[in-house]
Amino acid sequence: MNITVIVSAIIEWVAVRELFPHAEIQRFPYGERMDIQLADFHLQVLHSGWGKIASAGAMQYLIDHYSPDLVVNLGTCGGFEGAIRQGDVVLVDRAFVYDIVELMGDFGAVKSYYESELDLSWLSEPYPHPVRRGTIASADSDLQPEKIPYLMAQGAIAADWESAALAWVAQRNDRRLLILRAVSDLVGAHGGEAYDNIQLFKERTRGIMKNLFDQLPDWLANIRL
C-alpha cells in the first residue's frame, strides 16, 4: 500500500524530524519530505506547512505526484474546555471551515461548501487505540474563545488550522484520509492555556507526535482492504 503522511505545523515537523534523525531530508515545492520505515510500513512523510492554503496545495501535489492509496495527517489541535481533555486524540470524521465571512449572501451555503464528511468505513473496529471520533473546525487562526459556543453548536469538539482543507481536497480526489489530531491545549471562555506560552505547546507537541507515530503502525494494520 502506498501511504503518505502529511504534517502541517512547523513545530510539529521539528518534533517529527527529532524522531527520525537519520532520515534523508529532501525538498518538494511546499517544504521538506523524507522516507521512513515504521514497523512493516514504508512511509513518505511530508511537511506541508501551516494553514489552509499550504495544506490544500500540498495535498493536491502529493496526490498528483505520489498517487497514495492512503493519506494520513498527524498533528495537534486545540480542544474546547469541558468538551474534551488535553491529550485526547480526535479521529476526525467531519471537518469544516469557520473563518469565512459572508456578508452578501447565505453563510450556511458557504459553510456547507467547505464542509467534508470523512468516510472511515475502511477502518476496522474496534480501533487499536482510544480516540474521540468527531468533528473538527479549521481556520487560519488560533482558536478564539468567543467562537467556541458557535463551534460547539455545529458539533465540533476541537479546532485547528488545516484539517478542513486537507479533507476537502482529499474528498474531491476520492482519496482515503485518516486524520488523527491530539489535543495539545484547552481553550475556554478565559483564553487558552498555551496562549503566550509557546514553550508549553512545543513540549506537548513533542510528546504528541511521538505518541501518534508510535501508534500509527497499529492504525495501518487495522485497515480493511
N, C-alpha and C. Protein backbone atom coordinates (compact mmCIF):
# COMPACT_ATOMS: atom_id res chain seq x y z
N MET A 1 0.85 -1.19 0.00
CA MET A 1 0.00 0.00 0.00
C MET A 1 0.88 1.25 0.00
N ASN A 2 0.55 2.19 -0.84
CA ASN A 2 1.28 3.45 -0.96
C ASN A 2 0.69 4.45 0.04
N ILE A 3 1.46 4.79 1.07
CA ILE A 3 0.96 5.63 2.16
C ILE A 3 1.82 6.88 2.30
N THR A 4 1.16 8.02 2.37
CA THR A 4 1.84 9.29 2.60
C THR A 4 1.32 9.91 3.88
N VAL A 5 2.24 10.36 4.72
CA VAL A 5 1.89 11.05 5.96
C VAL A 5 2.19 12.53 5.76
N ILE A 6 1.23 13.36 6.10
CA ILE A 6 1.41 14.80 5.96
C ILE A 6 1.37 15.45 7.35
N VAL A 7 2.35 16.29 7.62
CA VAL A 7 2.47 17.00 8.89
C VAL A 7 2.43 18.49 8.57
N SER A 8 1.68 19.25 9.34
CA SER A 8 1.40 20.63 8.95
C SER A 8 2.27 21.67 9.65
N ALA A 9 2.09 21.85 10.95
CA ALA A 9 2.74 22.96 11.65
C ALA A 9 4.26 22.77 11.72
N ILE A 10 4.96 23.87 11.75
CA ILE A 10 6.42 23.84 11.81
C ILE A 10 6.89 23.14 13.08
N ILE A 11 6.28 23.46 14.23
CA ILE A 11 6.69 22.85 15.49
C ILE A 11 6.42 21.35 15.46
N GLU A 12 5.34 20.93 14.82
CA GLU A 12 5.06 19.50 14.67
C GLU A 12 6.15 18.83 13.82
N TRP A 13 6.55 19.50 12.73
CA TRP A 13 7.57 18.93 11.85
C TRP A 13 8.92 18.84 12.55
N VAL A 14 9.27 19.84 13.33
CA VAL A 14 10.52 19.78 14.09
C VAL A 14 10.52 18.57 15.02
N ALA A 15 9.38 18.31 15.65
CA ALA A 15 9.27 17.16 16.55
C ALA A 15 9.42 15.85 15.78
N VAL A 16 8.87 15.79 14.56
CA VAL A 16 8.97 14.58 13.75
C VAL A 16 10.41 14.35 13.30
N ARG A 17 11.09 15.40 12.90
CA ARG A 17 12.50 15.25 12.50
C ARG A 17 13.35 14.75 13.65
N GLU A 18 13.03 15.14 14.87
CA GLU A 18 13.76 14.64 16.03
C GLU A 18 13.54 13.14 16.22
N LEU A 19 12.37 12.65 15.81
CA LEU A 19 12.07 11.22 15.95
C LEU A 19 12.86 10.37 14.96
N PHE A 20 13.21 10.97 13.81
CA PHE A 20 13.89 10.23 12.74
C PHE A 20 15.14 11.00 12.31
N PRO A 21 16.12 11.10 13.21
CA PRO A 21 17.28 11.96 12.96
C PRO A 21 18.16 11.50 11.81
N HIS A 22 18.05 10.23 11.41
CA HIS A 22 18.92 9.71 10.35
C HIS A 22 18.23 9.67 8.99
N ALA A 23 16.99 10.10 8.94
CA ALA A 23 16.27 10.10 7.66
C ALA A 23 16.85 11.18 6.74
N GLU A 24 16.95 10.86 5.46
CA GLU A 24 17.45 11.83 4.49
C GLU A 24 16.35 12.84 4.17
N ILE A 25 16.65 14.10 4.34
CA ILE A 25 15.67 15.16 4.10
C ILE A 25 15.80 15.65 2.67
N GLN A 26 14.69 15.67 1.96
CA GLN A 26 14.63 16.18 0.60
C GLN A 26 13.64 17.33 0.55
N ARG A 27 13.63 18.01 -0.58
CA ARG A 27 12.73 19.15 -0.75
C ARG A 27 11.63 18.80 -1.75
N PHE A 28 10.46 19.38 -1.52
CA PHE A 28 9.42 19.40 -2.54
C PHE A 28 8.82 20.80 -2.49
N PRO A 29 7.95 21.18 -3.41
CA PRO A 29 7.58 22.60 -3.51
C PRO A 29 7.01 23.23 -2.24
N TYR A 30 6.46 22.43 -1.33
CA TYR A 30 5.83 23.01 -0.15
C TYR A 30 6.69 22.92 1.11
N GLY A 31 7.81 22.24 1.02
CA GLY A 31 8.65 22.12 2.21
C GLY A 31 9.59 20.94 2.12
N GLU A 32 9.70 20.20 3.21
CA GLU A 32 10.62 19.07 3.28
C GLU A 32 9.85 17.75 3.24
N ARG A 33 10.57 16.69 2.85
CA ARG A 33 9.98 15.36 2.86
C ARG A 33 11.06 14.35 3.21
N MET A 34 10.63 13.19 3.69
CA MET A 34 11.57 12.11 3.97
C MET A 34 10.84 10.78 3.85
N ASP A 35 11.61 9.73 3.60
CA ASP A 35 11.08 8.37 3.58
C ASP A 35 11.53 7.68 4.86
N ILE A 36 10.60 6.98 5.50
CA ILE A 36 10.94 6.27 6.74
C ILE A 36 10.36 4.86 6.70
N GLN A 37 10.94 3.99 7.50
CA GLN A 37 10.40 2.66 7.72
C GLN A 37 9.85 2.63 9.13
N LEU A 38 8.57 2.36 9.26
CA LEU A 38 7.91 2.33 10.56
C LEU A 38 7.25 0.96 10.70
N ALA A 39 7.85 0.12 11.54
CA ALA A 39 7.41 -1.28 11.65
C ALA A 39 7.46 -1.91 10.27
N ASP A 40 6.35 -2.43 9.78
CA ASP A 40 6.34 -3.10 8.47
C ASP A 40 5.98 -2.15 7.33
N PHE A 41 5.90 -0.86 7.60
CA PHE A 41 5.37 0.07 6.61
C PHE A 41 6.44 1.06 6.15
N HIS A 42 6.55 1.19 4.83
CA HIS A 42 7.39 2.23 4.24
C HIS A 42 6.51 3.45 3.99
N LEU A 43 6.91 4.58 4.55
CA LEU A 43 6.06 5.77 4.50
C LEU A 43 6.81 6.95 3.90
N GLN A 44 6.09 7.73 3.11
CA GLN A 44 6.57 9.05 2.69
C GLN A 44 5.99 10.05 3.67
N VAL A 45 6.84 10.88 4.24
CA VAL A 45 6.39 11.85 5.23
C VAL A 45 6.72 13.25 4.71
N LEU A 46 5.70 14.10 4.61
CA LEU A 46 5.87 15.42 4.04
C LEU A 46 5.46 16.50 5.03
N HIS A 47 6.17 17.61 4.98
CA HIS A 47 5.78 18.79 5.75
C HIS A 47 5.09 19.76 4.81
N SER A 48 3.79 19.95 5.01
CA SER A 48 3.01 20.80 4.09
C SER A 48 3.15 22.27 4.41
N GLY A 49 3.41 22.60 5.67
CA GLY A 49 3.32 23.99 6.09
C GLY A 49 1.97 24.24 6.74
N TRP A 50 1.89 25.31 7.53
CA TRP A 50 0.69 25.56 8.32
C TRP A 50 -0.35 26.34 7.52
N GLY A 51 -1.60 26.16 7.92
CA GLY A 51 -2.70 26.92 7.34
C GLY A 51 -3.37 26.21 6.18
N LYS A 52 -4.52 26.76 5.77
CA LYS A 52 -5.35 26.11 4.76
C LYS A 52 -4.74 26.18 3.36
N ILE A 53 -4.07 27.26 3.01
CA ILE A 53 -3.54 27.40 1.66
C ILE A 53 -2.45 26.37 1.39
N ALA A 54 -1.46 26.32 2.28
CA ALA A 54 -0.38 25.35 2.11
C ALA A 54 -0.90 23.93 2.16
N SER A 55 -1.85 23.67 3.05
CA SER A 55 -2.38 22.32 3.20
C SER A 55 -3.10 21.85 1.95
N ALA A 56 -3.94 22.71 1.39
CA ALA A 56 -4.68 22.34 0.18
C ALA A 56 -3.72 22.12 -0.99
N GLY A 57 -2.76 23.02 -1.15
CA GLY A 57 -1.80 22.88 -2.24
C GLY A 57 -0.95 21.64 -2.11
N ALA A 58 -0.46 21.37 -0.91
CA ALA A 58 0.39 20.20 -0.70
C ALA A 58 -0.39 18.91 -0.89
N MET A 59 -1.65 18.90 -0.45
CA MET A 59 -2.47 17.70 -0.63
C MET A 59 -2.66 17.40 -2.11
N GLN A 60 -2.98 18.41 -2.90
CA GLN A 60 -3.16 18.16 -4.32
C GLN A 60 -1.84 17.75 -4.98
N TYR A 61 -0.76 18.35 -4.55
CA TYR A 61 0.55 17.99 -5.11
C TYR A 61 0.88 16.53 -4.82
N LEU A 62 0.72 16.11 -3.58
CA LEU A 62 1.11 14.73 -3.26
C LEU A 62 0.19 13.72 -3.93
N ILE A 63 -1.07 14.06 -4.11
CA ILE A 63 -1.98 13.16 -4.83
C ILE A 63 -1.55 13.05 -6.29
N ASP A 64 -1.22 14.18 -6.91
CA ASP A 64 -0.83 14.18 -8.32
C ASP A 64 0.50 13.48 -8.55
N HIS A 65 1.45 13.64 -7.63
CA HIS A 65 2.81 13.14 -7.86
C HIS A 65 3.09 11.78 -7.23
N TYR A 66 2.39 11.44 -6.13
CA TYR A 66 2.67 10.19 -5.43
C TYR A 66 1.53 9.19 -5.51
N SER A 67 0.36 9.66 -5.90
CA SER A 67 -0.83 8.80 -6.04
C SER A 67 -0.99 7.84 -4.87
N PRO A 68 -1.09 8.36 -3.64
CA PRO A 68 -1.17 7.47 -2.48
C PRO A 68 -2.51 6.76 -2.39
N ASP A 69 -2.47 5.55 -1.85
CA ASP A 69 -3.71 4.84 -1.55
C ASP A 69 -4.34 5.39 -0.27
N LEU A 70 -3.50 5.93 0.58
CA LEU A 70 -3.97 6.50 1.85
C LEU A 70 -3.10 7.68 2.21
N VAL A 71 -3.74 8.77 2.64
CA VAL A 71 -3.04 9.91 3.21
C VAL A 71 -3.38 9.96 4.70
N VAL A 72 -2.35 10.14 5.53
CA VAL A 72 -2.53 10.25 6.97
C VAL A 72 -2.06 11.63 7.41
N ASN A 73 -2.88 12.33 8.15
CA ASN A 73 -2.47 13.60 8.75
C ASN A 73 -2.38 13.41 10.26
N LEU A 74 -1.19 13.62 10.80
CA LEU A 74 -0.96 13.54 12.24
C LEU A 74 -0.60 14.92 12.76
N GLY A 75 -1.17 15.30 13.89
CA GLY A 75 -0.85 16.63 14.40
C GLY A 75 -1.58 16.94 15.70
N THR A 76 -1.62 18.23 16.00
CA THR A 76 -2.20 18.73 17.23
C THR A 76 -3.47 19.50 16.93
N CYS A 77 -4.21 19.80 17.98
CA CYS A 77 -5.38 20.66 17.86
C CYS A 77 -5.66 21.30 19.21
N GLY A 78 -6.49 22.33 19.19
CA GLY A 78 -6.93 22.96 20.41
C GLY A 78 -8.29 22.41 20.80
N GLY A 79 -8.42 21.94 22.03
CA GLY A 79 -9.68 21.36 22.47
C GLY A 79 -10.56 22.37 23.19
N PHE A 80 -11.86 22.14 23.15
CA PHE A 80 -12.81 23.01 23.82
C PHE A 80 -12.93 22.57 25.28
N GLU A 81 -12.60 23.48 26.17
CA GLU A 81 -12.65 23.18 27.59
C GLU A 81 -14.03 22.68 27.98
N GLY A 82 -14.07 21.53 28.66
CA GLY A 82 -15.34 20.95 29.07
C GLY A 82 -15.90 19.95 28.08
N ALA A 83 -15.38 19.95 26.84
CA ALA A 83 -15.88 19.03 25.82
C ALA A 83 -14.91 17.89 25.56
N ILE A 84 -13.64 18.11 25.87
CA ILE A 84 -12.60 17.13 25.58
C ILE A 84 -11.44 17.40 26.53
N ARG A 85 -10.55 16.44 26.68
CA ARG A 85 -9.44 16.59 27.62
C ARG A 85 -8.12 16.78 26.88
N GLN A 86 -7.19 17.46 27.53
CA GLN A 86 -5.85 17.58 26.97
C GLN A 86 -5.26 16.18 26.84
N GLY A 87 -4.67 15.91 25.67
CA GLY A 87 -4.09 14.61 25.40
C GLY A 87 -5.01 13.67 24.64
N ASP A 88 -6.32 13.92 24.66
CA ASP A 88 -7.23 13.08 23.89
C ASP A 88 -6.89 13.16 22.41
N VAL A 89 -7.06 12.05 21.70
CA VAL A 89 -6.82 12.00 20.26
C VAL A 89 -8.16 12.03 19.54
N VAL A 90 -8.30 12.96 18.61
CA VAL A 90 -9.52 13.08 17.81
C VAL A 90 -9.33 12.31 16.51
N LEU A 91 -10.20 11.35 16.27
CA LEU A 91 -10.30 10.69 14.97
C LEU A 91 -11.34 11.48 14.20
N VAL A 92 -10.91 12.26 13.24
CA VAL A 92 -11.79 13.22 12.57
C VAL A 92 -12.68 12.51 11.56
N ASP A 93 -14.00 12.67 11.72
CA ASP A 93 -14.92 12.14 10.73
C ASP A 93 -15.71 13.23 10.02
N ARG A 94 -15.50 14.47 10.42
CA ARG A 94 -16.14 15.62 9.77
C ARG A 94 -15.28 16.85 10.05
N ALA A 95 -15.14 17.71 9.05
CA ALA A 95 -14.34 18.92 9.21
C ALA A 95 -14.99 20.05 8.43
N PHE A 96 -14.94 21.25 9.00
CA PHE A 96 -15.49 22.41 8.29
C PHE A 96 -14.66 23.66 8.58
N VAL A 97 -14.75 24.61 7.66
CA VAL A 97 -14.04 25.89 7.78
C VAL A 97 -14.95 26.90 8.47
N TYR A 98 -14.40 27.66 9.41
CA TYR A 98 -15.26 28.59 10.14
C TYR A 98 -14.80 30.05 10.08
N ASP A 99 -13.77 30.36 9.31
CA ASP A 99 -13.31 31.75 9.29
C ASP A 99 -13.66 32.48 8.00
N ILE A 100 -14.62 31.97 7.24
CA ILE A 100 -15.10 32.70 6.06
C ILE A 100 -16.17 33.69 6.52
N VAL A 101 -16.08 34.93 6.06
CA VAL A 101 -17.05 35.97 6.42
C VAL A 101 -17.86 36.31 5.18
N GLU A 102 -19.13 35.95 5.18
CA GLU A 102 -20.03 36.19 4.04
C GLU A 102 -21.06 37.23 4.47
N LEU A 103 -21.02 38.40 3.82
CA LEU A 103 -21.92 39.49 4.17
C LEU A 103 -22.95 39.77 3.08
N MET A 104 -22.83 39.12 1.92
CA MET A 104 -23.74 39.42 0.81
C MET A 104 -24.72 38.31 0.52
N GLY A 105 -24.50 37.13 1.10
CA GLY A 105 -25.36 36.01 0.76
C GLY A 105 -25.60 35.11 1.96
N ASP A 106 -25.77 33.83 1.69
CA ASP A 106 -26.12 32.84 2.69
C ASP A 106 -24.86 32.18 3.23
N PHE A 107 -24.50 32.50 4.48
CA PHE A 107 -23.30 31.89 5.05
C PHE A 107 -23.46 30.38 5.19
N GLY A 108 -24.68 29.91 5.42
CA GLY A 108 -24.89 28.48 5.54
C GLY A 108 -24.46 27.73 4.31
N ALA A 109 -24.72 28.31 3.14
CA ALA A 109 -24.31 27.66 1.89
C ALA A 109 -22.79 27.63 1.77
N VAL A 110 -22.14 28.70 2.20
CA VAL A 110 -20.67 28.76 2.16
C VAL A 110 -20.08 27.72 3.09
N LYS A 111 -20.60 27.63 4.30
CA LYS A 111 -20.12 26.66 5.27
C LYS A 111 -20.28 25.24 4.72
N SER A 112 -21.40 24.95 4.12
CA SER A 112 -21.64 23.61 3.58
C SER A 112 -20.65 23.28 2.47
N TYR A 113 -20.28 24.28 1.68
CA TYR A 113 -19.38 24.04 0.55
C TYR A 113 -18.02 23.57 1.03
N TYR A 114 -17.53 24.13 2.13
CA TYR A 114 -16.22 23.77 2.65
C TYR A 114 -16.31 22.84 3.85
N GLU A 115 -17.33 22.01 3.85
CA GLU A 115 -17.51 21.01 4.89
C GLU A 115 -17.34 19.62 4.28
N SER A 116 -16.65 18.73 4.96
CA SER A 116 -16.37 17.40 4.43
C SER A 116 -16.70 16.33 5.46
N GLU A 117 -17.35 15.28 5.00
CA GLU A 117 -17.57 14.08 5.80
C GLU A 117 -16.51 13.06 5.37
N LEU A 118 -15.77 12.54 6.33
CA LEU A 118 -14.72 11.57 6.01
C LEU A 118 -15.28 10.15 6.12
N ASP A 119 -15.19 9.40 5.05
CA ASP A 119 -15.60 8.00 5.04
C ASP A 119 -14.51 7.18 5.73
N LEU A 120 -14.84 6.61 6.88
CA LEU A 120 -13.89 5.80 7.63
C LEU A 120 -14.32 4.34 7.67
N SER A 121 -15.17 3.94 6.73
CA SER A 121 -15.68 2.56 6.72
C SER A 121 -14.58 1.54 6.47
N TRP A 122 -13.44 1.98 5.95
CA TRP A 122 -12.33 1.08 5.67
C TRP A 122 -11.47 0.81 6.91
N LEU A 123 -11.80 1.46 8.01
CA LEU A 123 -11.11 1.19 9.27
C LEU A 123 -11.89 0.15 10.06
N SER A 124 -11.22 -0.91 10.46
CA SER A 124 -11.89 -1.94 11.24
C SER A 124 -12.09 -1.48 12.68
N GLU A 125 -13.20 -1.89 13.25
CA GLU A 125 -13.45 -1.65 14.67
C GLU A 125 -13.40 -2.98 15.42
N PRO A 126 -12.98 -2.98 16.68
CA PRO A 126 -12.64 -1.81 17.49
C PRO A 126 -11.32 -1.18 17.05
N TYR A 127 -11.21 0.12 17.28
CA TYR A 127 -10.00 0.83 16.91
C TYR A 127 -8.84 0.40 17.81
N PRO A 128 -7.62 0.46 17.30
CA PRO A 128 -6.48 -0.06 18.07
C PRO A 128 -6.07 0.79 19.26
N HIS A 129 -6.49 2.05 19.28
CA HIS A 129 -6.13 2.94 20.39
C HIS A 129 -7.33 3.82 20.72
N PRO A 130 -7.43 4.30 21.96
CA PRO A 130 -8.56 5.15 22.35
C PRO A 130 -8.56 6.46 21.56
N VAL A 131 -9.72 6.84 21.05
CA VAL A 131 -9.88 8.09 20.31
C VAL A 131 -11.24 8.68 20.62
N ARG A 132 -11.38 9.97 20.35
CA ARG A 132 -12.68 10.62 20.32
C ARG A 132 -13.02 10.85 18.85
N ARG A 133 -13.91 10.07 18.32
CA ARG A 133 -14.32 10.27 16.93
C ARG A 133 -15.26 11.46 16.89
N GLY A 134 -14.97 12.43 16.00
CA GLY A 134 -15.83 13.60 15.98
C GLY A 134 -15.41 14.65 14.98
N THR A 135 -15.98 15.84 15.16
CA THR A 135 -15.86 16.95 14.22
C THR A 135 -14.79 17.93 14.68
N ILE A 136 -14.02 18.41 13.71
CA ILE A 136 -13.01 19.43 13.98
C ILE A 136 -13.29 20.63 13.08
N ALA A 137 -13.07 21.81 13.59
CA ALA A 137 -13.28 23.06 12.85
C ALA A 137 -11.92 23.68 12.54
N SER A 138 -11.79 24.25 11.34
CA SER A 138 -10.49 24.79 10.92
C SER A 138 -10.61 26.26 10.52
N ALA A 139 -9.57 27.00 10.84
CA ALA A 139 -9.46 28.41 10.44
C ALA A 139 -7.99 28.79 10.42
N ASP A 140 -7.67 29.82 9.66
CA ASP A 140 -6.30 30.35 9.69
C ASP A 140 -6.18 31.29 10.87
N SER A 141 -6.34 30.72 12.04
CA SER A 141 -6.32 31.50 13.27
C SER A 141 -6.25 30.55 14.45
N ASP A 142 -5.55 30.96 15.51
CA ASP A 142 -5.70 30.24 16.76
C ASP A 142 -7.14 30.40 17.22
N LEU A 143 -7.59 29.45 18.00
CA LEU A 143 -8.98 29.41 18.43
C LEU A 143 -9.29 30.58 19.35
N GLN A 144 -10.30 31.36 18.99
CA GLN A 144 -10.73 32.50 19.80
C GLN A 144 -11.85 32.04 20.73
N PRO A 145 -11.73 32.32 22.02
CA PRO A 145 -12.73 31.83 22.99
C PRO A 145 -14.17 32.17 22.62
N GLU A 146 -14.41 33.34 22.07
CA GLU A 146 -15.78 33.74 21.77
C GLU A 146 -16.40 32.93 20.64
N LYS A 147 -15.57 32.19 19.88
CA LYS A 147 -16.07 31.35 18.79
C LYS A 147 -16.56 29.98 19.28
N ILE A 148 -16.16 29.60 20.48
CA ILE A 148 -16.41 28.23 20.93
C ILE A 148 -17.90 27.88 21.01
N PRO A 149 -18.77 28.73 21.57
CA PRO A 149 -20.20 28.35 21.62
C PRO A 149 -20.78 28.05 20.24
N TYR A 150 -20.43 28.87 19.25
CA TYR A 150 -20.93 28.61 17.90
C TYR A 150 -20.38 27.29 17.36
N LEU A 151 -19.08 27.05 17.54
CA LEU A 151 -18.47 25.83 17.01
C LEU A 151 -19.02 24.58 17.69
N MET A 152 -19.25 24.66 18.97
CA MET A 152 -19.84 23.52 19.67
C MET A 152 -21.27 23.27 19.20
N ALA A 153 -22.00 24.34 18.90
CA ALA A 153 -23.36 24.19 18.38
C ALA A 153 -23.36 23.51 17.01
N GLN A 154 -22.22 23.63 16.29
CA GLN A 154 -22.08 22.97 14.99
C GLN A 154 -21.54 21.55 15.12
N GLY A 155 -21.34 21.10 16.36
CA GLY A 155 -20.91 19.73 16.60
C GLY A 155 -19.42 19.53 16.79
N ALA A 156 -18.62 20.61 16.72
CA ALA A 156 -17.16 20.48 16.84
C ALA A 156 -16.76 20.28 18.29
N ILE A 157 -15.66 19.55 18.49
CA ILE A 157 -15.09 19.36 19.82
C ILE A 157 -13.68 19.93 19.93
N ALA A 158 -13.12 20.33 18.78
CA ALA A 158 -11.75 20.86 18.75
C ALA A 158 -11.57 21.68 17.48
N ALA A 159 -10.46 22.40 17.42
CA ALA A 159 -10.20 23.24 16.26
C ALA A 159 -8.72 23.21 15.91
N ASP A 160 -8.43 23.43 14.63
CA ASP A 160 -7.05 23.51 14.16
C ASP A 160 -6.99 24.43 12.96
N TRP A 161 -5.86 24.40 12.25
CA TRP A 161 -5.67 25.28 11.11
C TRP A 161 -5.83 24.56 9.76
N GLU A 162 -5.79 23.24 9.73
CA GLU A 162 -5.59 22.57 8.44
C GLU A 162 -6.57 21.45 8.07
N SER A 163 -7.19 20.79 9.02
CA SER A 163 -7.92 19.56 8.72
C SER A 163 -8.99 19.73 7.65
N ALA A 164 -9.74 20.82 7.71
CA ALA A 164 -10.83 21.01 6.75
C ALA A 164 -10.31 21.15 5.33
N ALA A 165 -9.17 21.82 5.15
CA ALA A 165 -8.59 21.97 3.81
C ALA A 165 -8.09 20.62 3.29
N LEU A 166 -7.42 19.88 4.15
CA LEU A 166 -6.93 18.56 3.74
C LEU A 166 -8.09 17.64 3.36
N ALA A 167 -9.13 17.66 4.17
CA ALA A 167 -10.28 16.79 3.91
C ALA A 167 -11.00 17.19 2.62
N TRP A 168 -11.12 18.48 2.39
CA TRP A 168 -11.84 18.98 1.20
C TRP A 168 -11.14 18.51 -0.08
N VAL A 169 -9.82 18.65 -0.13
CA VAL A 169 -9.08 18.26 -1.34
C VAL A 169 -9.08 16.74 -1.48
N ALA A 170 -8.88 16.02 -0.39
CA ALA A 170 -8.87 14.55 -0.47
C ALA A 170 -10.21 14.03 -0.96
N GLN A 171 -11.29 14.61 -0.48
CA GLN A 171 -12.62 14.15 -0.87
C GLN A 171 -12.86 14.37 -2.36
N ARG A 172 -12.39 15.48 -2.88
CA ARG A 172 -12.60 15.76 -4.30
C ARG A 172 -11.72 14.92 -5.22
N ASN A 173 -10.71 14.32 -4.64
CA ASN A 173 -9.86 13.39 -5.39
C ASN A 173 -10.18 11.93 -5.07
N ASP A 174 -11.21 11.72 -4.28
CA ASP A 174 -11.64 10.38 -3.91
C ASP A 174 -10.49 9.58 -3.28
N ARG A 175 -9.82 10.20 -2.30
CA ARG A 175 -8.70 9.56 -1.61
C ARG A 175 -9.06 9.30 -0.16
N ARG A 176 -8.60 8.17 0.33
CA ARG A 176 -8.78 7.88 1.74
C ARG A 176 -7.89 8.80 2.57
N LEU A 177 -8.47 9.34 3.64
CA LEU A 177 -7.74 10.25 4.51
C LEU A 177 -8.01 9.87 5.96
N LEU A 178 -6.94 9.68 6.70
CA LEU A 178 -7.02 9.41 8.14
C LEU A 178 -6.42 10.61 8.86
N ILE A 179 -7.23 11.30 9.64
CA ILE A 179 -6.76 12.45 10.42
C ILE A 179 -6.81 12.08 11.90
N LEU A 180 -5.65 12.11 12.54
CA LEU A 180 -5.54 11.90 13.98
C LEU A 180 -4.89 13.13 14.59
N ARG A 181 -5.64 13.86 15.37
CA ARG A 181 -5.16 15.10 15.99
C ARG A 181 -5.30 14.99 17.50
N ALA A 182 -4.21 15.15 18.22
CA ALA A 182 -4.26 15.10 19.68
C ALA A 182 -4.36 16.51 20.25
N VAL A 183 -5.11 16.64 21.32
CA VAL A 183 -5.34 17.94 21.95
C VAL A 183 -4.10 18.37 22.71
N SER A 184 -3.45 19.39 22.19
CA SER A 184 -2.24 19.91 22.84
C SER A 184 -2.56 20.88 23.96
N ASP A 185 -3.68 21.59 23.83
CA ASP A 185 -4.05 22.60 24.82
C ASP A 185 -5.54 22.84 24.77
N LEU A 186 -6.07 23.28 25.89
CA LEU A 186 -7.50 23.57 26.00
C LEU A 186 -7.74 25.07 25.94
N VAL A 187 -8.87 25.42 25.32
CA VAL A 187 -9.26 26.83 25.23
C VAL A 187 -10.67 26.95 25.80
N GLY A 188 -10.86 27.92 26.68
CA GLY A 188 -12.16 28.16 27.28
C GLY A 188 -12.52 29.63 27.23
N ALA A 189 -13.52 29.99 27.99
CA ALA A 189 -14.03 31.36 27.98
C ALA A 189 -12.97 32.38 28.36
N HIS A 190 -11.99 31.95 29.16
CA HIS A 190 -10.98 32.90 29.66
C HIS A 190 -9.66 32.80 28.91
N GLY A 191 -9.67 32.10 27.77
CA GLY A 191 -8.46 32.02 26.97
C GLY A 191 -7.92 30.60 26.87
N GLY A 192 -6.70 30.50 26.33
CA GLY A 192 -6.08 29.21 26.12
C GLY A 192 -4.86 29.02 26.99
N GLU A 193 -4.67 27.79 27.48
CA GLU A 193 -3.56 27.54 28.39
C GLU A 193 -2.20 27.67 27.73
N ALA A 194 -2.13 27.54 26.40
CA ALA A 194 -0.86 27.68 25.70
C ALA A 194 -0.67 29.06 25.09
N TYR A 195 -1.68 29.91 25.17
CA TYR A 195 -1.54 31.25 24.60
C TYR A 195 -0.52 32.04 25.43
N ASP A 196 0.42 32.67 24.74
CA ASP A 196 1.54 33.36 25.37
C ASP A 196 2.45 32.39 26.14
N ASN A 197 2.39 31.11 25.75
CA ASN A 197 3.24 30.10 26.39
C ASN A 197 3.65 29.09 25.33
N ILE A 198 4.43 29.55 24.36
CA ILE A 198 4.81 28.70 23.22
C ILE A 198 5.63 27.51 23.68
N GLN A 199 6.36 27.64 24.78
CA GLN A 199 7.18 26.53 25.25
C GLN A 199 6.31 25.36 25.68
N LEU A 200 5.17 25.65 26.29
CA LEU A 200 4.25 24.59 26.67
C LEU A 200 3.78 23.83 25.43
N PHE A 201 3.45 24.58 24.38
CA PHE A 201 2.99 23.94 23.15
C PHE A 201 4.10 23.08 22.55
N LYS A 202 5.32 23.59 22.55
CA LYS A 202 6.44 22.81 22.00
C LYS A 202 6.65 21.51 22.76
N GLU A 203 6.63 21.59 24.08
CA GLU A 203 6.86 20.40 24.89
C GLU A 203 5.76 19.36 24.68
N ARG A 204 4.53 19.81 24.66
CA ARG A 204 3.43 18.87 24.47
C ARG A 204 3.42 18.30 23.06
N THR A 205 3.81 19.12 22.09
CA THR A 205 3.83 18.64 20.70
C THR A 205 4.84 17.52 20.53
N ARG A 206 5.99 17.63 21.17
CA ARG A 206 6.98 16.54 21.09
C ARG A 206 6.36 15.22 21.55
N GLY A 207 5.70 15.26 22.69
CA GLY A 207 5.09 14.04 23.20
C GLY A 207 3.97 13.53 22.32
N ILE A 208 3.17 14.45 21.79
CA ILE A 208 2.05 14.07 20.93
C ILE A 208 2.53 13.42 19.65
N MET A 209 3.51 14.01 18.99
CA MET A 209 3.96 13.46 17.72
C MET A 209 4.63 12.10 17.92
N LYS A 210 5.37 11.94 19.01
CA LYS A 210 5.97 10.63 19.28
C LYS A 210 4.88 9.59 19.50
N ASN A 211 3.87 9.94 20.27
CA ASN A 211 2.79 9.01 20.55
C ASN A 211 2.04 8.63 19.28
N LEU A 212 1.75 9.62 18.43
CA LEU A 212 1.00 9.34 17.20
C LEU A 212 1.79 8.46 16.24
N PHE A 213 3.09 8.72 16.12
CA PHE A 213 3.91 7.87 15.23
C PHE A 213 4.11 6.49 15.84
N ASP A 214 4.20 6.38 17.16
CA ASP A 214 4.30 5.07 17.80
C ASP A 214 3.05 4.24 17.53
N GLN A 215 1.89 4.88 17.51
CA GLN A 215 0.62 4.19 17.33
C GLN A 215 0.26 3.96 15.86
N LEU A 216 0.88 4.71 14.96
CA LEU A 216 0.49 4.65 13.56
C LEU A 216 0.53 3.24 12.96
N PRO A 217 1.56 2.41 13.21
CA PRO A 217 1.53 1.07 12.62
C PRO A 217 0.29 0.27 12.99
N ASP A 218 -0.21 0.45 14.21
CA ASP A 218 -1.42 -0.26 14.63
C ASP A 218 -2.63 0.21 13.83
N TRP A 219 -2.70 1.51 13.55
CA TRP A 219 -3.80 2.02 12.73
C TRP A 219 -3.71 1.49 11.30
N LEU A 220 -2.50 1.44 10.75
CA LEU A 220 -2.34 0.98 9.39
C LEU A 220 -2.65 -0.52 9.28
N ALA A 221 -2.33 -1.27 10.32
CA ALA A 221 -2.64 -2.71 10.32
C ALA A 221 -4.14 -2.95 10.47
N ASN A 222 -4.87 -1.91 10.89
CA ASN A 222 -6.31 -2.02 11.13
C ASN A 222 -7.15 -1.73 9.89
N ILE A 223 -6.49 -1.44 8.78
CA ILE A 223 -7.22 -1.07 7.57
C ILE A 223 -7.87 -2.31 6.96
N ARG A 224 -9.13 -2.15 6.61
CA ARG A 224 -9.89 -3.21 5.96
C ARG A 224 -9.65 -3.10 4.44
N LEU A 225 -8.88 -4.03 3.89
CA LEU A 225 -8.51 -3.94 2.47
C LEU A 225 -9.67 -4.39 1.61
